[in-house]
C-alpha atoms as a PDB file:
ATOM      1  CA  MET A   1      16.655   1.947  17.404  1.00  0.00           C
ATOM      2  CA  LYS A   2      16.923   3.184  20.984  1.00  0.00           C
ATOM      3  CA  GLU A   3      19.222   5.965  19.773  1.00  0.00           C
ATOM      4  CA  LEU A   4      16.554   7.151  17.318  1.00  0.00           C
ATOM      5  CA  LEU A   5      14.035   7.299  20.148  1.00  0.00           C
ATOM      6  CA  GLU A   6      16.400   9.124  22.502  1.00  0.00           C
ATOM      7  CA  ASN A   7      17.179  11.685  19.797  1.00  0.00           C
ATOM      8  CA  ARG A   8      13.479  12.074  18.979  1.00  0.00           C
ATOM      9  CA  CYS A   9      14.021  11.324  15.298  1.00  0.00           C
ATOM     10  CA  PHE A  10      12.262   7.945  15.261  1.00  0.00           C
ATOM     11  CA  PHE A  11      10.148   7.437  12.133  1.00  0.00           C
ATOM     12  CA  LYS A  12       8.425   4.099  11.531  1.00  0.00           C
ATOM     13  CA  LEU A  13       6.759   3.160   8.291  1.00  0.00           C
ATOM     14  CA  VAL A  14       3.743   0.991   9.031  1.00  0.00           C
ATOM     15  CA  CYS A  15       3.493  -1.504   6.190  1.00  0.00           C
ATOM     16  CA  GLY A  16       0.434  -2.883   7.969  1.00  0.00           C
ATOM     17  CA  ALA A  17       0.001  -5.626  10.558  1.00  0.00           C
ATOM     18  CA  GLY A  18      -2.533  -7.173   8.202  1.00  0.00           C
ATOM     19  CA  ASN A  19      -0.531  -6.558   5.037  1.00  0.00           C
ATOM     20  CA  GLU A  20       0.606 -10.010   3.910  1.00  0.00           C
ATOM     21  CA  SER A  21       1.535  -9.009   0.361  1.00  0.00           C
ATOM     22  CA  ALA A  22       5.259  -9.773   0.274  1.00  0.00           C
ATOM     23  CA  GLU A  23       5.871  -7.904  -2.979  1.00  0.00           C
ATOM     24  CA  GLU A  24       4.165  -4.745  -1.762  1.00  0.00           C
ATOM     25  CA  VAL A  25       6.134  -4.841   1.480  1.00  0.00           C
ATOM     26  CA  ARG A  26       9.369  -5.409  -0.446  1.00  0.00           C
ATOM     27  CA  ARG A  27       8.685  -2.300  -2.537  1.00  0.00           C
ATOM     28  CA  LEU A  28       7.640  -0.135   0.411  1.00  0.00           C
ATOM     29  CA  VAL A  29      10.715  -1.095   2.422  1.00  0.00           C
ATOM     30  CA  ARG A  30      13.063  -0.494  -0.495  1.00  0.00           C
ATOM     31  CA  LEU A  31      11.568   2.912  -1.303  1.00  0.00           C
ATOM     32  CA  TYR A  32      11.337   4.249   2.232  1.00  0.00           C
ATOM     33  CA  SER A  33      14.745   2.830   3.196  1.00  0.00           C
ATOM     34  CA  ASP A  34      16.277   4.770   0.325  1.00  0.00           C
ATOM     35  CA  ALA A  35      14.346   7.833   1.526  1.00  0.00           C
ATOM     36  CA  GLY A  36      15.914   7.572   4.986  1.00  0.00           C
ATOM     37  CA  CYS A  37      13.413   5.556   7.024  1.00  0.00           C
ATOM     38  CA  LYS A  38      15.044   3.027   9.319  1.00  0.00           C
ATOM     39  CA  VAL A  39      12.135   1.362  11.141  1.00  0.00           C
ATOM     40  CA  PHE A  40       9.416  -0.787   9.568  1.00  0.00           C
ATOM     41  CA  ASP A  41       6.266  -2.250  11.109  1.00  0.00           C
ATOM     42  CA  LEU A  42       5.438  -5.648   9.627  1.00  0.00           C
ATOM     43  CA  SER A  43       3.000  -8.532   9.712  1.00  0.00           C
ATOM     44  CA  ALA A  44       4.104 -11.465  11.855  1.00  0.00           C
ATOM     45  CA  LYS A  45       4.868 -13.802   8.968  1.00  0.00           C
ATOM     46  CA  ALA A  46       8.195 -15.255   7.882  1.00  0.00           C
ATOM     47  CA  GLU A  47       7.748 -14.342   4.224  1.00  0.00           C
ATOM     48  CA  ILE A  48       7.034 -10.724   5.154  1.00  0.00           C
ATOM     49  CA  LEU A  49      10.138 -10.467   7.310  1.00  0.00           C
ATOM     50  CA  ALA A  50      12.138 -11.973   4.459  1.00  0.00           C
ATOM     51  CA  ALA A  51      10.647  -9.417   2.053  1.00  0.00           C
ATOM     52  CA  ALA A  52      11.640  -6.611   4.433  1.00  0.00           C
ATOM     53  CA  SER A  53      15.248  -7.776   4.763  1.00  0.00           C
ATOM     54  CA  GLY A  54      16.466  -4.441   3.365  1.00  0.00           C
ATOM     55  CA  GLY A  55      15.010  -2.516   6.299  1.00  0.00           C
ATOM     56  CA  LYS A  56      17.406  -1.614   9.111  1.00  0.00           C
ATOM     57  CA  TYR A  57      15.037  -2.163  12.049  1.00  0.00           C
ATOM     58  CA  LYS A  58      12.044  -4.488  11.888  1.00  0.00           C
ATOM     59  CA  CYS A  59       9.072  -4.364  14.236  1.00  0.00           C
ATOM     60  CA  VAL A  60       6.630  -7.278  14.172  1.00  0.00           C
ATOM     61  CA  SER A  61       3.000  -6.583  15.051  1.00  0.00           C
ATOM     62  CA  VAL A  62       0.611  -8.992  16.753  1.00  0.00           C
ATOM     63  CA  GLY A  63      -2.766  -8.356  18.336  1.00  0.00           C
ATOM     64  CA  ILE A  64      -5.512  -9.574  20.616  1.00  0.00           C
ATOM     65  CA  LYS A  65      -8.842 -10.746  19.218  1.00  0.00           C
ATOM     66  CA  GLY A  66     -11.051  -7.936  17.987  1.00  0.00           C
ATOM     67  CA  ASP A  67      -8.200  -5.491  17.466  1.00  0.00           C
ATOM     68  CA  PRO A  68      -8.651  -3.849  14.031  1.00  0.00           C
ATOM     69  CA  HIS A  69      -5.039  -4.526  13.075  1.00  0.00           C
ATOM     70  CA  ILE A  70      -5.607  -8.289  12.902  1.00  0.00           C
ATOM     71  CA  LEU A  71      -9.094  -8.222  11.355  1.00  0.00           C
ATOM     72  CA  LYS A  72      -9.843  -9.605   7.903  1.00  0.00           C
ATOM     73  CA  ALA A  73     -12.959  -8.832   5.875  1.00  0.00           C
ATOM     74  CA  LYS A  74     -15.109 -11.720   4.663  1.00  0.00           C
ATOM     75  CA  ILE A  75     -18.007 -11.444   2.197  1.00  0.00           C
ATOM     76  CA  ASN A  76     -21.086 -13.455   3.170  1.00  0.00           C
ATOM     77  CA  THR A  77     -24.105 -14.694   1.209  1.00  0.00           C
ATOM     78  CA  LYS A  78     -25.991 -11.381   1.508  1.00  0.00           C
ATOM     79  CA  CYS A  79     -23.739  -9.803  -1.137  1.00  0.00           C
ATOM     80  CA  ILE A  80     -25.628  -8.113  -4.013  1.00  0.00           C
ATOM     81  CA  ASN A  81     -22.486  -7.226  -6.015  1.00  0.00           C
ATOM     82  CA  CYS A  82     -23.134  -3.485  -5.845  1.00  0.00           C
ATOM     83  CA  GLY A  83     -19.412  -2.757  -5.969  1.00  0.00           C
ATOM     84  CA  LYS A  84     -19.366  -0.130  -3.213  1.00  0.00           C
ATOM     85  CA  CYS A  85     -16.872  -2.090  -1.125  1.00  0.00           C
ATOM     86  CA  SER A  86     -14.493  -2.475  -4.045  1.00  0.00           C
ATOM     87  CA  HIS A  87     -14.466   1.246  -4.773  1.00  0.00           C
ATOM     88  CA  ILE A  88     -13.758   2.224  -1.166  1.00  0.00           C
ATOM     89  CA  CYS A  89     -10.999  -0.339  -0.495  1.00  0.00           C
ATOM     90  CA  PHE A  90      -7.797   1.669  -0.344  1.00  0.00           C
ATOM     91  CA  ASN A  91      -5.576  -1.407  -0.645  1.00  0.00           C
ATOM     92  CA  GLU A  92      -7.454  -2.863  -3.638  1.00  0.00           C
ATOM     93  CA  ALA A  93      -8.168  -6.113  -1.820  1.00  0.00           C
ATOM     94  CA  ILE A  94     -11.698  -6.599  -3.212  1.00  0.00           C
ATOM     95  CA  THR A  95     -12.385  -7.891  -6.708  1.00  0.00           C
ATOM     96  CA  LEU A  96     -15.469  -6.255  -8.211  1.00  0.00           C
ATOM     97  CA  ASN A  97     -18.387  -8.570  -9.138  1.00  0.00           C
ATOM     98  CA  LEU A  98     -16.583 -11.680  -7.866  1.00  0.00           C
ATOM     99  CA  ALA A  99     -17.403 -11.121  -4.217  1.00  0.00           C
ATOM    100  CA  PHE A 100     -13.789 -11.981  -3.445  1.00  0.00           C
ATOM    101  CA  ILE A 101     -11.455 -10.434  -0.871  1.00  0.00           C
ATOM    102  CA  ASN A 102      -7.729 -11.022  -1.189  1.00  0.00           C
ATOM    103  CA  GLU A 103      -6.863 -11.781   2.423  1.00  0.00           C
ATOM    104  CA  LYS A 104      -3.185 -10.990   1.942  1.00  0.00           C
ATOM    105  CA  ARG A 105      -4.023  -7.433   0.894  1.00  0.00           C
ATOM    106  CA  CYS A 106      -6.856  -6.835   3.382  1.00  0.00           C
ATOM    107  CA  LEU A 107      -5.712  -4.525   6.205  1.00  0.00           C
ATOM    108  CA  GLY A 108      -8.855  -4.933   8.307  1.00  0.00           C
ATOM    109  CA  CYS A 109      -9.738  -1.224   8.278  1.00  0.00           C
ATOM    110  CA  GLY A 110     -13.468  -2.008   8.099  1.00  0.00           C
ATOM    111  CA  ARG A 111     -14.389   0.667   5.552  1.00  0.00           C
ATOM    112  CA  CYS A 112     -15.984  -1.946   3.304  1.00  0.00           C
ATOM    113  CA  ALA A 113     -18.223  -3.207   6.110  1.00  0.00           C
ATOM    114  CA  GLU A 114     -19.271   0.328   6.995  1.00  0.00           C
ATOM    115  CA  ILE A 115     -20.342   1.181   3.438  1.00  0.00           C
ATOM    116  CA  CYS A 116     -22.042  -2.126   2.592  1.00  0.00           C
ATOM    117  CA  PRO A 117     -25.816  -1.475   2.244  1.00  0.00           C
ATOM    118  CA  VAL A 118     -26.850  -5.049   3.071  1.00  0.00           C
ATOM    119  CA  GLN A 119     -24.354  -6.017   5.821  1.00  0.00           C
ATOM    120  CA  ALA A 120     -22.688  -8.550   3.550  1.00  0.00           C
ATOM    121  CA  ILE A 121     -19.213  -8.125   5.018  1.00  0.00           C
ATOM    122  CA  ASP A 122     -18.042  -9.605   8.297  1.00  0.00           C
ATOM    123  CA  LEU A 123     -14.819  -8.668  10.068  1.00  0.00           C
ATOM    124  CA  VAL A 124     -13.063 -11.680  11.547  1.00  0.00           C
ATOM    125  CA  SER A 125      -9.988 -11.728  13.788  1.00  0.00           C
ATOM    126  CA  LYS A 126      -7.093 -13.623  12.259  1.00  0.00           C
ATOM    127  CA  ASP A 127      -5.516 -14.844  15.454  1.00  0.00           C
ATOM    128  CA  ILE A 128      -2.131 -16.571  15.648  1.00  0.00           C
ATOM    129  CA  ASP A 129      -0.497 -18.845  18.202  1.00  0.00           C
ATOM    130  CA  LEU A 130       2.404 -16.788  19.522  1.00  0.00           C
ATOM    131  CA  ASN A 131       4.018 -19.843  21.101  1.00  0.00           C
ATOM    132  CA  GLN A 132       4.373 -21.273  17.611  1.00  0.00           C
ATOM    133  CA  VAL A 133       4.934 -18.132  15.537  1.00  0.00           C
ATOM    134  CA  LEU A 134       7.521 -16.206  17.570  1.00  0.00           C
ATOM    135  CA  PRO A 135      10.189 -18.963  17.576  1.00  0.00           C
ATOM    136  CA  GLU A 136       9.797 -19.168  13.788  1.00  0.00           C
ATOM    137  CA  LEU A 137      10.243 -15.402  13.329  1.00  0.00           C
ATOM    138  CA  LEU A 138      13.134 -14.639  15.684  1.00  0.00           C
ATOM    139  CA  PRO A 139      15.827 -16.089  13.367  1.00  0.00           C
ATOM    140  CA  TYR A 140      14.891 -13.489  10.733  1.00  0.00           C
ATOM    141  CA  GLY A 141      16.030 -10.683  13.015  1.00  0.00           C
ATOM    142  CA  ILE A 142      13.495  -8.690  15.018  1.00  0.00           C
ATOM    143  CA  ASP A 143      14.213  -5.374  16.707  1.00  0.00           C
ATOM    144  CA  CYS A 144      10.840  -4.856  18.385  1.00  0.00           C
ATOM    145  CA  ILE A 145       7.586  -6.737  18.946  1.00  0.00           C
ATOM    146  CA  GLU A 146       4.406  -4.697  19.141  1.00  0.00           C
ATOM    147  CA  LEU A 147       1.199  -5.832  20.826  1.00  0.00           C
ATOM    148  CA  HIS A 148      -1.962  -4.183  19.509  1.00  0.00           C
ATOM    149  CA  ALA A 149      -4.170  -4.171  22.577  1.00  0.00           C
ATOM    150  CA  THR A 150      -7.236  -2.021  22.005  1.00  0.00           C
ATOM    151  CA  THR A 151     -10.144  -4.227  23.066  1.00  0.00           C
ATOM    152  CA  GLU A 152     -11.489  -4.706  26.593  1.00  0.00           C
ATOM    153  CA  ASP A 153     -10.114  -8.242  27.022  1.00  0.00           C
ATOM    154  CA  GLU A 154      -7.612  -7.881  29.865  1.00  0.00           C
ATOM    155  CA  LYS A 155      -7.067 -11.637  30.178  1.00  0.00           C
ATOM    156  CA  GLU A 156      -5.926 -12.139  26.595  1.00  0.00           C
ATOM    157  CA  THR A 157      -3.865  -8.966  26.741  1.00  0.00           C
ATOM    158  CA  ASP A 158      -1.961 -10.258  29.763  1.00  0.00           C
ATOM    159  CA  GLU A 159      -1.573 -13.750  28.305  1.00  0.00           C
ATOM    160  CA  LYS A 160      -0.118 -12.561  25.006  1.00  0.00           C
ATOM    161  CA  TRP A 161       2.107 -10.007  26.720  1.00  0.00           C
ATOM    162  CA  ALA A 162       3.509 -12.765  28.938  1.00  0.00           C
ATOM    163  CA  ILE A 163       4.275 -14.967  25.923  1.00  0.00           C
ATOM    164  CA  ILE A 164       6.015 -12.097  24.116  1.00  0.00           C
ATOM    165  CA  ASN A 165       8.161 -11.360  27.185  1.00  0.00           C
ATOM    166  CA  GLN A 166       8.993 -15.034  27.486  1.00  0.00           C
ATOM    167  CA  PHE A 167      10.379 -15.302  23.965  1.00  0.00           C
ATOM    168  CA  TYR A 168      11.854 -11.834  23.463  1.00  0.00           C
ATOM    169  CA  SER A 169      13.939  -9.648  25.782  1.00  0.00           C
ATOM    170  CA  GLY A 170      14.407  -6.623  23.505  1.00  0.00           C
ATOM    171  CA  MET A 171      12.341  -3.500  22.901  1.00  0.00           C
ATOM    172  CA  LEU A 172       8.573  -4.023  23.106  1.00  0.00           C
ATOM    173  CA  SER A 173       5.738  -1.774  22.029  1.00  0.00           C
ATOM    174  CA  ILE A 174       2.144  -1.449  23.172  1.00  0.00           C
ATOM    175  CA  CYS A 175      -0.227   0.020  20.590  1.00  0.00           C
ATOM    176  CA  ILE A 176      -3.349   1.280  22.315  1.00  0.00           C
ATOM    177  CA  ASP A 177      -6.280   3.606  21.655  1.00  0.00           C
ATOM    178  CA  ARG A 178      -9.507   4.743  23.342  1.00  0.00           C
ATOM    179  CA  LEU A 179     -12.043   3.175  21.006  1.00  0.00           C
ATOM    180  CA  ASN A 180     -13.065   0.613  23.637  1.00  0.00           C
ATOM    181  CA  LEU A 181     -11.165   1.833  26.701  1.00  0.00           C
ATOM    182  CA  GLY A 182     -11.529   4.928  28.839  1.00  0.00           C
ATOM    183  CA  ASN A 183      -8.531   6.996  29.920  1.00  0.00           C
ATOM    184  CA  LYS A 184      -8.282   5.280  33.311  1.00  0.00           C
ATOM    185  CA  GLN A 185      -8.427   1.838  31.704  1.00  0.00           C
ATOM    186  CA  VAL A 186      -5.718   2.771  29.223  1.00  0.00           C
ATOM    187  CA  ILE A 187      -3.357   3.960  31.947  1.00  0.00           C
ATOM    188  CA  ALA A 188      -4.127   1.024  34.252  1.00  0.00           C
ATOM    189  CA  ARG A 189      -3.392  -1.438  31.435  1.00  0.00           C
ATOM    190  CA  ILE A 190      -0.127   0.222  30.496  1.00  0.00           C
ATOM    191  CA  LYS A 191       1.072   0.395  34.109  1.00  0.00           C
ATOM    192  CA  ARG A 192       0.272  -3.270  34.600  1.00  0.00           C
ATOM    193  CA  LEU A 193       2.089  -4.345  31.439  1.00  0.00           C
ATOM    194  CA  ILE A 194       5.263  -2.361  32.099  1.00  0.00           C
ATOM    195  CA  LYS A 195       5.399  -3.150  35.822  1.00  0.00           C
ATOM    196  CA  ASN A 196       8.105  -5.810  35.508  1.00  0.00           C
ATOM    197  CA  ARG A 197      10.023  -4.240  32.635  1.00  0.00           C
ATOM    198  CA  GLN A 198      13.149  -2.108  32.842  1.00  0.00           C
ATOM    199  CA  PRO A 199      12.648   1.652  32.345  1.00  0.00           C
ATOM    200  CA  TYR A 200      12.626   2.773  28.728  1.00  0.00           C
ATOM    201  CA  THR A 201      12.459  -0.675  27.200  1.00  0.00           C
ATOM    202  CA  THR A 202       8.830  -0.160  26.170  1.00  0.00           C
ATOM    203  CA  ILE A 203       7.270   2.021  23.497  1.00  0.00           C
ATOM    204  CA  ILE A 204       3.706   3.242  23.932  1.00  0.00           C
ATOM    205  CA  GLN A 205       2.233   3.801  20.492  1.00  0.00           C
ATOM    206  CA  THR A 206      -0.628   6.238  20.977  1.00  0.00           C
ATOM    207  CA  ASP A 207      -3.004   5.004  18.309  1.00  0.00           C
ATOM    208  CA  GLY A 208      -5.416   7.916  17.909  1.00  0.00           C
ATOM    209  CA  ILE A 209      -7.775   6.443  15.312  1.00  0.00           C
ATOM    210  CA  PRO A 210      -6.246   3.333  13.740  1.00  0.00           C
ATOM    211  CA  MET A 211      -5.810   3.314   9.942  1.00  0.00           C
ATOM    212  CA  SER A 212      -7.402   6.743   9.492  1.00  0.00           C
ATOM    213  CA  GLY A 213      -4.537   8.871   8.231  1.00  0.00           C
ATOM    214  CA  SER A 214      -5.245   9.042   4.515  1.00  0.00           C
ATOM    215  CA  ASP A 215      -5.996  12.790   4.812  1.00  0.00           C
ATOM    216  CA  ASP A 216      -3.274  15.304   5.625  1.00  0.00           C
ATOM    217  CA  THR A 217      -5.211  17.459   8.101  1.00  0.00           C
ATOM    218  CA  TYR A 218      -4.910  18.467  11.740  1.00  0.00           C
ATOM    219  CA  LYS A 219      -8.329  16.992  12.483  1.00  0.00           C
ATOM    220  CA  THR A 220      -7.237  13.575  11.222  1.00  0.00           C
ATOM    221  CA  THR A 221      -4.305  13.462  13.614  1.00  0.00           C
ATOM    222  CA  LEU A 222      -5.936  15.155  16.604  1.00  0.00           C
ATOM    223  CA  GLN A 223      -6.678  11.965  18.549  1.00  0.00           C
ATOM    224  CA  ALA A 224      -3.117  10.658  18.216  1.00  0.00           C
ATOM    225  CA  VAL A 225      -1.844  13.812  19.888  1.00  0.00           C
ATOM    226  CA  ALA A 226      -4.575  13.669  22.547  1.00  0.00           C
ATOM    227  CA  MET A 227      -3.610  10.073  23.354  1.00  0.00           C
ATOM    228  CA  ALA A 228       0.027  11.077  23.658  1.00  0.00           C
ATOM    229  CA  GLU A 229      -0.887  13.787  26.174  1.00  0.00           C
ATOM    230  CA  ILE A 230      -2.719  11.246  28.337  1.00  0.00           C
ATOM    231  CA  ILE A 231       0.384   9.033  28.458  1.00  0.00           C
ATOM    232  CA  GLN A 232       2.753  11.955  28.977  1.00  0.00           C
ATOM    233  CA  ASN A 233       0.785  13.226  31.971  1.00  0.00           C
ATOM    234  CA  GLU A 234       1.510   9.977  33.818  1.00  0.00           C
ATOM    235  CA  ASN A 235       5.305  10.447  33.627  1.00  0.00           C
ATOM    236  CA  LEU A 236       5.873   6.789  32.847  1.00  0.00           C
ATOM    237  CA  PRO A 237       9.354   5.430  31.975  1.00  0.00           C
ATOM    238  CA  VAL A 238       8.351   4.722  28.368  1.00  0.00           C
ATOM    239  CA  TYR A 239       8.923   6.093  24.895  1.00  0.00           C
ATOM    240  CA  ILE A 240       5.932   7.838  23.288  1.00  0.00           C
ATOM    241  CA  VAL A 241       5.377   7.294  19.563  1.00  0.00           C
ATOM    242  CA  LEU A 242       2.377   8.886  17.881  1.00  0.00           C
ATOM    243  CA  SER A 243       0.296   6.836  15.446  1.00  0.00           C
ATOM    244  CA  GLY A 244      -3.232   6.383  14.122  1.00  0.00           C
ATOM    245  CA  GLY A 245      -4.224   9.151  11.723  1.00  0.00           C
ATOM    246  CA  THR A 246      -0.655  10.437  11.571  1.00  0.00           C
ATOM    247  CA  ASN A 247       0.511  12.645   8.704  1.00  0.00           C
ATOM    248  CA  THR A 248       2.669  15.740   8.076  1.00  0.00           C
ATOM    249  CA  LYS A 249       0.601  17.706  10.604  1.00  0.00           C
ATOM    250  CA  THR A 250       1.086  15.331  13.544  1.00  0.00           C
ATOM    251  CA  LEU A 251       4.358  16.537  14.999  1.00  0.00           C
ATOM    252  CA  LYS A 252       3.488  20.168  14.294  1.00  0.00           C
ATOM    253  CA  LEU A 253       0.368  19.776  16.425  1.00  0.00           C
ATOM    254  CA  ALA A 254       2.282  17.811  19.059  1.00  0.00           C
ATOM    255  CA  LYS A 255       4.790  20.659  19.397  1.00  0.00           C
ATOM    256  CA  LEU A 256       1.989  23.214  19.720  1.00  0.00           C
ATOM    257  CA  CYS A 257       0.534  21.079  22.526  1.00  0.00           C
ATOM    258  CA  ASN A 258       3.919  20.655  24.253  1.00  0.00           C
ATOM    259  CA  ILE A 259       3.967  16.890  23.787  1.00  0.00           C
ATOM    260  CA  ASN A 260       7.366  15.360  24.536  1.00  0.00           C
ATOM    261  CA  TYR A 261       7.126  12.684  21.882  1.00  0.00           C
ATOM    262  CA  HIS A 262       9.990  10.393  20.872  1.00  0.00           C
ATOM    263  CA  GLY A 263       8.798   9.561  17.371  1.00  0.00           C
ATOM    264  CA  ILE A 264       6.033   8.922  14.915  1.00  0.00           C
ATOM    265  CA  ALA A 265       4.625   5.893  13.097  1.00  0.00           C
ATOM    266  CA  VAL A 266       2.844   6.522   9.796  1.00  0.00           C
ATOM    267  CA  GLY A 267       0.905   4.000   7.753  1.00  0.00           C
ATOM    268  CA  SER A 268      -2.105   4.969   5.655  1.00  0.00           C
ATOM    269  CA  TYR A 269      -0.841   8.374   4.554  1.00  0.00           C
ATOM    270  CA  ALA A 270       2.716   7.231   3.852  1.00  0.00           C
ATOM    271  CA  ARG A 271       1.452   4.392   1.681  1.00  0.00           C
ATOM    272  CA  LYS A 272      -1.141   6.573  -0.056  1.00  0.00           C
ATOM    273  CA  ILE A 273       1.269   9.173  -1.382  1.00  0.00           C
ATOM    274  CA  VAL A 274       3.399   6.555  -3.180  1.00  0.00           C
ATOM    275  CA  LYS A 275       0.644   4.101  -4.061  1.00  0.00           C
ATOM    276  CA  LYS A 276       0.663   4.709  -7.819  1.00  0.00           C
ATOM    277  CA  TYR A 277       4.397   4.004  -7.896  1.00  0.00           C
ATOM    278  CA  ILE A 278       4.313   0.979  -5.617  1.00  0.00           C
ATOM    279  CA  THR A 279       1.593  -0.661  -7.714  1.00  0.00           C
ATOM    280  CA  ASN A 280       3.234   0.165 -11.058  1.00  0.00           C
ATOM    281  CA  PRO A 281       4.540  -2.941 -12.896  1.00  0.00           C
ATOM    282  CA  GLU A 282       7.665  -0.944 -13.829  1.00  0.00           C
ATOM    283  CA  PHE A 283       8.609  -0.162 -10.215  1.00  0.00           C
ATOM    284  CA  TRP A 284      11.851  -2.158 -10.406  1.00  0.00           C
ATOM    285  CA  THR A 285      12.824  -1.244 -13.953  1.00  0.00           C
ATOM    286  CA  ASN A 286      11.789   2.361 -14.637  1.00  0.00           C
ATOM    287  CA  GLN A 287      14.456   4.629 -13.128  1.00  0.00           C
ATOM    288  CA  GLN A 288      12.505   7.833 -13.730  1.00  0.00           C
ATOM    289  CA  LEU A 289       9.414   6.415 -12.046  1.00  0.00           C
ATOM    290  CA  TYR A 290      11.460   5.300  -9.054  1.00  0.00           C
ATOM    291  CA  ALA A 291      13.185   8.675  -8.813  1.00  0.00           C
ATOM    292  CA  GLU A 292       9.791  10.413  -8.667  1.00  0.00           C
ATOM    293  CA  ALA A 293       8.588   8.073  -5.943  1.00  0.00           C
ATOM    294  CA  LEU A 294      11.796   8.514  -3.975  1.00  0.00           C
ATOM    295  CA  SER A 295      11.512  12.302  -4.135  1.00  0.00           C
ATOM    296  CA  ILE A 296       7.978  12.131  -2.713  1.00  0.00           C
ATOM    297  CA  ALA A 297       9.037   9.788   0.099  1.00  0.00           C
ATOM    298  CA  LYS A 298      12.082  11.918   0.996  1.00  0.00           C
ATOM    299  CA  ASN A 299      10.045  15.122   1.064  1.00  0.00           C
ATOM    300  CA  PHE A 300       7.449  13.449   3.254  1.00  0.00           C
ATOM    301  CA  LEU A 301      10.015  12.291   5.818  1.00  0.00           C
ATOM    302  CA  SER A 302      11.673  15.684   5.834  1.00  0.00           C
ATOM    303  CA  GLU A 303       8.420  17.595   6.249  1.00  0.00           C
ATOM    304  CA  THR A 304       7.123  15.187   8.882  1.00  0.00           C
ATOM    305  CA  LEU A 305      10.170  15.010  11.141  1.00  0.00           C
ATOM    306  CA  TYR A 306      11.886  18.347  10.790  1.00  0.00           C
ATOM    307  CA  THR A 307       9.196  21.047  10.553  1.00  0.00           C
END
């Protein structure tokens, strides 16, 4: 994985830190592996790592409380069954008229809560005990652990970072954005976390606007590139990977802005363009369907990395 970063051809498919659908992950990993992707971002669950066994490099994502990547939507008693949340849910986690959210499919993006006219949806952090979970996951083979640290809680950030370093000595990643932190806070946090780590053993994932990349426009990816510039200006001994709103325009814009990136992580957009194939019951049996999906995934990787 370090070689991919050094050669600036690192592409990571983000299956979703909150995506606990083993079958969906299995399909995504198979398709994008065949398309040439080597790195996969996964939920910190044993069954998900098992489902992603076909992926070459596996990155496990964990987060601090309040981080959108570990949020789950919950419908409360105010629900009037209007159906707006169901229609806007990209991952089809909400069952219309039943006021039911499939937690395994919920990615915590918050779109349902934003559109709800009666505030009937709460977003709750699904926290995990890293002291218990990490020893269970390590035997499955992990190539990177990523801490999503976007809230203001410095204490929990430091505590979870210390636990991760205690259990794992390989490549680590810090996913961070400016939703709750100013530029100075972002840099101060990163410097503190990498202080005792060897140079270039840490990835900084510049999460522009988390889970926002369903549109393939420059505007969508602007903040990811802006975040990368902030990190680059500090000349830190880290790898810079762009994420959050990433699409085929991301690296084009980064080059125009003279950003010395090492790679890109794509979630929402990469999943969107193959969604109808991934959710098709004939995914494993229809060769023509799979060939169409594979062509789309290959073209996307090619256009994203090499233009």
